Amino acid sequence: MKNAQLLVKSTCQLGESILWDKRNASIYWVDILGKKIYKHKFGGEQTSIWNLDDYVSKIVLNDRHGFILGMQGMLASWEEATNIVKPIIDIPHENGQIRTNDGGLDPDGNFWIGTMHMDAISGRGKLYCYKDQKLHVMLDAVSIPNGIVWSGKLPYTYFIDTFTNEIRRYDFTKDTNETAHYDVLVKIPSEYGSPDGMCIGPDGNLWVAHWGGYGVYCWDINTGKLLDRIYVDAPHVTSCVFGGSNNQDLFISTAKVGLDEQQLLKYPDSGSVFHYKIS
């Protein structure tokens, strides 16, 4: 069995959106429910934490050596040195009932972000694309938007609505909204938990964090066949990213939320960040 090792001990309620920043050889991630951003220098011991005023679910690099955040009610820029958040565009939040969840930058540099109901009510979220300074609705009714990635050039977009337990491949160039064309690449068996965050690995395949699945699973991007699994000593695995000097280091975030007292005693590192070197 391939086992990830504890890298950063933390107590995130809902650790998510783990990011590798090669500019400073560090990882960043967020605690959505804790309204926090974390940073850890890979190979070091120090972890920095910033507190925000709103739920933050996604952090990506921008082209000006800063960051863009997906937050409840908006996309925003963020300056690490000052912890200043500057709104970019509003996102409908229905009086606080809706928050952002997962997202990502497509090969053209457009920011995609999903939203969901605070109580994960089915069909209450949307998938947006921020393009040409406008927010476009790409999918009208999603439940728990996750794992949006691209392999090479558009048009193919790999997307997870955790509620469906599927990894879908969309072609958004054909049509939009609820009629958008897609193929089901993988239907996740229930014993593997539910698919959450996702990244493209150095092998070109889909590496998926499985909520309730105790690990990161590698799925063939062409056939949907299960190729590998990295075990994590925490039930709720939320996101993953490759980084390090040779892009062979897998960084993994986890969550405490949804675990009962007995589970937390059995898996005390839930909410922490884990690491596995694939070669």
Protein backbone atom coordinates (compact mmCIF):
# COMPACT_ATOMS: atom_id res chain seq x y z
CA MET A 1 0.00 0.00 0.00
CA LYS A 2 1.22 3.50 -0.86
CA ASN A 3 0.86 5.76 2.17
CA ALA A 4 1.00 9.54 2.25
CA GLN A 5 2.86 11.02 5.19
CA LEU A 6 1.78 13.87 7.44
CA LEU A 7 3.41 17.10 6.24
CA VAL A 8 1.68 19.90 8.14
CA LYS A 9 -0.32 19.25 11.29
CA SER A 10 -3.34 21.56 11.23
CA THR A 11 -6.93 21.52 12.39
CA CYS A 12 -8.77 22.77 9.30
CA GLN A 13 -12.51 22.21 9.45
CA LEU A 14 -12.61 22.10 5.65
CA GLY A 15 -9.10 22.21 4.21
CA GLU A 16 -9.26 22.74 0.45
CA SER A 17 -7.71 24.17 -2.71
CA ILE A 18 -4.13 23.11 -2.13
CA LEU A 19 -1.79 25.04 -4.44
CA TRP A 20 1.89 24.73 -5.35
CA ASP A 21 3.69 28.04 -5.91
CA LYS A 22 7.02 27.41 -7.63
CA ARG A 23 7.90 31.10 -7.19
CA ASN A 24 8.72 30.47 -3.54
CA ALA A 25 8.61 26.64 -3.33
CA SER A 26 5.61 26.79 -1.01
CA ILE A 27 2.16 25.31 -0.73
CA TYR A 28 -0.96 27.32 -0.02
CA TRP A 29 -4.38 26.05 0.99
CA VAL A 30 -7.57 27.34 2.60
CA ASP A 31 -9.92 26.40 5.39
CA ILE A 32 -13.28 27.29 3.88
CA LEU A 33 -15.29 27.22 7.09
CA GLY A 34 -12.47 28.74 9.12
CA LYS A 35 -12.10 31.66 6.66
CA LYS A 36 -8.32 31.19 6.57
CA ILE A 37 -5.44 30.97 4.09
CA TYR A 38 -2.38 28.86 4.96
CA LYS A 39 1.16 28.83 3.57
CA HIS A 40 3.93 26.33 4.21
CA LYS A 41 7.45 26.48 2.80
CA PHE A 42 8.18 22.99 1.47
CA GLY A 43 11.16 21.57 3.33
CA GLY A 44 10.78 24.06 6.15
CA GLU A 45 8.91 24.10 9.44
CA GLN A 46 7.08 27.42 9.45
CA THR A 47 3.41 27.73 8.54
CA SER A 48 1.78 31.13 8.08
CA ILE A 49 -1.95 31.78 8.53
CA TRP A 50 -4.10 34.69 7.37
CA ASN A 51 -7.63 35.34 8.64
CA LEU A 52 -10.24 36.67 6.21
CA ASP A 53 -13.67 38.19 6.73
CA ASP A 54 -15.55 35.83 4.41
CA TYR A 55 -15.59 32.18 3.38
CA VAL A 56 -12.70 31.50 1.00
CA SER A 57 -12.78 28.34 -1.10
CA LYS A 58 -10.24 28.72 -3.90
CA ILE A 59 -6.80 30.29 -4.31
CA VAL A 60 -4.96 30.50 -7.64
CA LEU A 61 -1.89 32.34 -8.91
CA ASN A 62 -2.32 35.38 -11.09
CA ASP A 63 0.09 36.78 -13.66
CA ARG A 64 1.19 39.68 -11.46
CA HIS A 65 2.87 37.59 -8.77
CA GLY A 66 -0.21 37.73 -6.57
CA PHE A 67 -3.29 35.59 -6.05
CA ILE A 68 -6.96 35.45 -6.99
CA LEU A 69 -9.50 34.10 -4.51
CA GLY A 70 -12.91 32.55 -4.88
CA MET A 71 -14.89 33.87 -1.90
CA GLN A 72 -18.49 33.99 -0.83
CA GLY A 73 -20.03 36.73 -2.94
CA MET A 74 -17.04 37.58 -5.12
CA LEU A 75 -13.83 36.90 -6.94
CA ALA A 76 -11.06 38.96 -5.39
CA SER A 77 -7.34 39.65 -5.59
CA TRP A 78 -5.24 39.00 -2.50
CA GLU A 79 -1.87 40.40 -1.43
CA GLU A 80 0.07 38.10 0.84
CA ALA A 81 2.27 40.81 2.32
CA THR A 82 -0.63 43.00 3.46
CA ASN A 83 -3.56 40.53 3.61
CA ILE A 84 -5.51 43.06 1.53
CA VAL A 85 -8.49 41.64 -0.38
CA LYS A 86 -9.78 43.67 -3.35
CA PRO A 87 -13.04 42.64 -5.05
CA ILE A 88 -12.89 41.86 -8.78
CA ILE A 89 -16.50 40.93 -9.51
CA ASP A 90 -19.58 40.01 -7.49
CA ILE A 91 -20.94 36.45 -7.42
CA PRO A 92 -24.62 35.95 -6.43
CA HIS A 93 -24.84 34.55 -2.90
CA GLU A 94 -28.59 34.77 -2.12
CA ASN A 95 -28.25 36.55 1.22
CA GLY A 96 -25.48 34.27 2.39
CA GLN A 97 -27.15 30.99 1.41
CA ILE A 98 -24.69 30.35 -1.44
CA ARG A 99 -20.89 30.19 -1.27
CA THR A 100 -18.14 29.40 -3.72
CA ASN A 101 -16.44 26.01 -3.80
CA ASP A 102 -13.85 24.64 -6.23
CA GLY A 103 -12.56 26.28 -9.40
CA GLY A 104 -9.49 26.83 -11.54
CA LEU A 105 -7.78 28.63 -14.40
CA ASP A 106 -8.32 27.23 -17.89
CA PRO A 107 -5.53 27.16 -20.52
CA ASP A 108 -6.63 30.60 -21.75
CA GLY A 109 -6.33 32.11 -18.28
CA ASN A 110 -10.07 32.37 -17.55
CA PHE A 111 -11.14 31.74 -13.94
CA TRP A 112 -13.86 29.11 -13.50
CA ILE A 113 -15.61 28.92 -10.12
CA GLY A 114 -18.46 26.79 -8.81
CA THR A 115 -21.01 27.73 -6.18
CA MET A 116 -23.16 25.65 -3.85
CA HIS A 117 -25.74 26.01 -1.10
CA MET A 118 -24.31 26.30 2.42
CA ASP A 119 -26.21 23.11 3.30
CA ALA A 120 -25.31 21.39 0.00
CA ILE A 121 -28.94 21.37 -1.19
CA SER A 122 -29.09 19.64 -4.56
CA GLY A 123 -29.07 21.80 -7.67
CA ARG A 124 -28.72 25.16 -5.93
CA GLY A 125 -25.25 25.98 -7.25
CA LYS A 126 -23.85 27.09 -10.58
CA LEU A 127 -20.63 26.82 -12.54
CA TYR A 128 -19.31 30.19 -13.74
CA CYS A 129 -16.53 31.30 -16.04
CA TYR A 130 -15.04 34.77 -15.54
CA LYS A 131 -14.03 35.83 -19.04
CA ASP A 132 -13.61 39.24 -20.66
CA GLN A 133 -14.42 40.87 -17.30
CA LYS A 134 -17.84 39.23 -17.21
CA LEU A 135 -19.24 36.29 -15.23
CA HIS A 136 -20.78 33.68 -17.55
CA VAL A 137 -23.04 30.85 -16.33
CA MET A 138 -21.74 27.59 -17.81
CA LEU A 139 -23.91 25.16 -15.82
CA ASP A 140 -27.18 26.24 -14.26
CA ALA A 141 -27.81 23.61 -11.60
CA VAL A 142 -24.97 21.90 -9.76
CA SER A 143 -24.82 20.65 -6.19
CA ILE A 144 -21.20 20.37 -5.01
CA PRO A 145 -18.90 21.64 -7.80
CA ASN A 146 -15.40 20.21 -7.60
CA GLY A 147 -12.30 19.14 -9.45
CA ILE A 148 -12.39 21.31 -12.56
CA VAL A 149 -9.23 20.78 -14.65
CA TRP A 150 -8.00 20.86 -18.24
CA SER A 151 -5.52 18.66 -20.04
CA GLY A 152 -3.69 20.54 -22.75
CA LYS A 153 -5.76 22.79 -24.96
CA LEU A 154 -9.48 23.40 -24.77
CA PRO A 155 -12.24 22.39 -25.45
CA TYR A 156 -12.25 19.50 -22.96
CA THR A 157 -13.07 20.39 -19.37
CA TYR A 158 -13.00 17.69 -16.68
CA PHE A 159 -15.51 18.45 -13.96
CA ILE A 160 -16.91 16.79 -10.85
CA ASP A 161 -20.24 17.43 -9.20
CA THR A 162 -19.61 15.38 -6.05
CA PHE A 163 -23.35 14.77 -5.71
CA THR A 164 -23.30 12.62 -8.90
CA ASN A 165 -20.23 10.53 -7.97
CA GLU A 166 -19.05 11.01 -11.55
CA ILE A 167 -16.06 12.48 -13.35
CA ARG A 168 -17.43 14.11 -16.48
CA ARG A 169 -15.71 15.39 -19.61
CA TYR A 170 -17.43 18.45 -21.03
CA ASP A 171 -17.12 20.21 -24.35
CA PHE A 172 -18.42 23.69 -23.59
CA THR A 173 -17.75 24.87 -27.13
CA LYS A 174 -20.83 22.99 -28.39
CA ASP A 175 -23.47 24.52 -26.15
CA THR A 176 -23.96 25.97 -22.67
CA ASN A 177 -25.95 25.76 -19.45
CA GLU A 178 -27.80 22.59 -18.50
CA THR A 179 -27.64 21.20 -22.07
CA ALA A 180 -23.82 21.27 -22.16
CA HIS A 181 -22.50 18.13 -23.82
CA TYR A 182 -20.54 15.71 -21.64
CA ASP A 183 -19.38 12.12 -21.38
CA VAL A 184 -19.16 10.23 -18.08
CA LEU A 185 -15.52 9.18 -17.87
CA VAL A 186 -15.77 7.51 -14.44
CA LYS A 187 -18.68 6.46 -12.25
CA ILE A 188 -17.08 6.20 -8.82
CA PRO A 189 -18.04 3.04 -6.89
CA SER A 190 -19.57 3.91 -3.52
CA GLU A 191 -16.90 1.97 -1.62
CA TYR A 192 -14.34 4.52 -2.88
CA GLY A 193 -16.18 7.45 -1.33
CA SER A 194 -17.06 10.49 -3.43
CA PRO A 195 -14.81 12.48 -5.80
CA ASP A 196 -13.75 15.91 -4.55
CA GLY A 197 -10.78 17.98 -5.73
CA MET A 198 -8.79 16.89 -8.77
CA CYS A 199 -5.56 17.68 -10.59
CA ILE A 200 -3.68 16.55 -13.68
CA GLY A 201 -0.64 14.51 -12.71
CA PRO A 202 2.78 14.49 -14.38
CA ASP A 203 1.61 11.30 -16.09
CA GLY A 204 -1.24 13.22 -17.74
CA ASN A 205 -3.93 11.36 -15.81
CA LEU A 206 -6.59 12.51 -13.34
CA TRP A 207 -5.58 12.40 -9.67
CA VAL A 208 -8.68 12.76 -7.52
CA ALA A 209 -9.13 13.36 -3.79
CA HIS A 210 -11.95 11.14 -2.50
CA TRP A 211 -14.18 12.41 0.30
CA GLY A 212 -14.87 9.41 2.53
CA GLY A 213 -12.39 7.41 0.44
CA TYR A 214 -9.22 7.75 2.57
CA GLY A 215 -7.00 8.67 -0.32
CA VAL A 216 -6.10 10.09 -3.69
CA TYR A 217 -7.06 7.90 -6.65
CA CYS A 218 -5.49 8.03 -10.11
CA TRP A 219 -7.93 7.53 -13.01
CA ASP A 220 -6.86 7.08 -16.64
CA ILE A 221 -7.85 10.26 -18.47
CA ASN A 222 -8.79 8.33 -21.62
CA THR A 223 -10.35 5.09 -20.38
CA GLY A 224 -11.49 5.92 -16.85
CA LYS A 225 -9.61 2.89 -15.50
CA LEU A 226 -8.33 3.05 -11.92
CA LEU A 227 -4.52 3.11 -12.12
CA ASP A 228 -3.28 3.88 -8.61
CA ARG A 229 -4.24 4.88 -5.08
CA ILE A 230 -2.36 6.80 -2.40
CA TYR A 231 -3.72 6.04 1.06
CA VAL A 232 -4.26 8.96 3.45
CA ASP A 233 -4.78 8.47 7.19
CA ALA A 234 -7.89 10.66 7.18
CA PRO A 235 -11.34 9.81 5.81
CA HIS A 236 -12.21 13.09 4.11
CA VAL A 237 -9.58 13.87 1.47
CA THR A 238 -10.44 17.12 -0.28
CA SER A 239 -7.85 18.32 -2.81
CA CYS A 240 -4.47 17.47 -4.28
CA VAL A 241 -1.74 19.07 -6.37
CA PHE A 242 1.66 18.10 -7.73
CA GLY A 243 4.73 20.26 -7.15
CA GLY A 244 8.27 20.14 -5.87
CA SER A 245 11.45 20.58 -7.88
CA ASN A 246 10.57 17.79 -10.34
CA ASN A 247 6.77 17.90 -10.07
CA GLN A 248 6.85 14.50 -8.37
CA ASP A 249 5.60 15.60 -4.94
CA LEU A 250 1.90 15.14 -4.27
CA PHE A 251 0.38 17.49 -1.67
CA ILE A 252 -2.99 16.58 -0.17
CA SER A 253 -5.50 18.49 1.96
CA THR A 254 -8.09 16.96 4.30
CA ALA A 255 -11.07 17.97 6.44
CA LYS A 256 -12.43 17.40 9.95
CA VAL A 257 -16.00 18.44 9.24
CA GLY A 258 -18.47 15.56 9.06
CA LEU A 259 -16.49 13.28 11.37
CA ASP A 260 -17.88 12.17 14.71
CA GLU A 261 -15.94 12.05 17.97
CA GLN A 262 -14.94 8.43 17.53
CA GLN A 263 -13.63 9.04 14.01
CA LEU A 264 -11.64 12.06 15.15
CA LEU A 265 -10.00 9.95 17.86
CA LYS A 266 -9.13 7.29 15.29
CA TYR A 267 -7.93 9.80 12.67
CA PRO A 268 -6.48 12.68 14.71
CA ASP A 269 -4.64 14.17 11.71
CA SER A 270 -7.87 14.92 9.86
CA GLY A 271 -7.74 18.54 8.74
CA SER A 272 -3.99 18.34 8.13
CA VAL A 273 -1.87 18.33 4.94
CA PHE A 274 -0.21 15.15 3.71
CA HIS A 275 2.58 14.45 1.23
CA TYR A 276 3.62 11.58 -1.05
CA LYS A 277 6.57 11.44 -3.47
CA ILE A 278 5.64 9.37 -6.48
CA SER A 279 9.18 8.58 -7.63
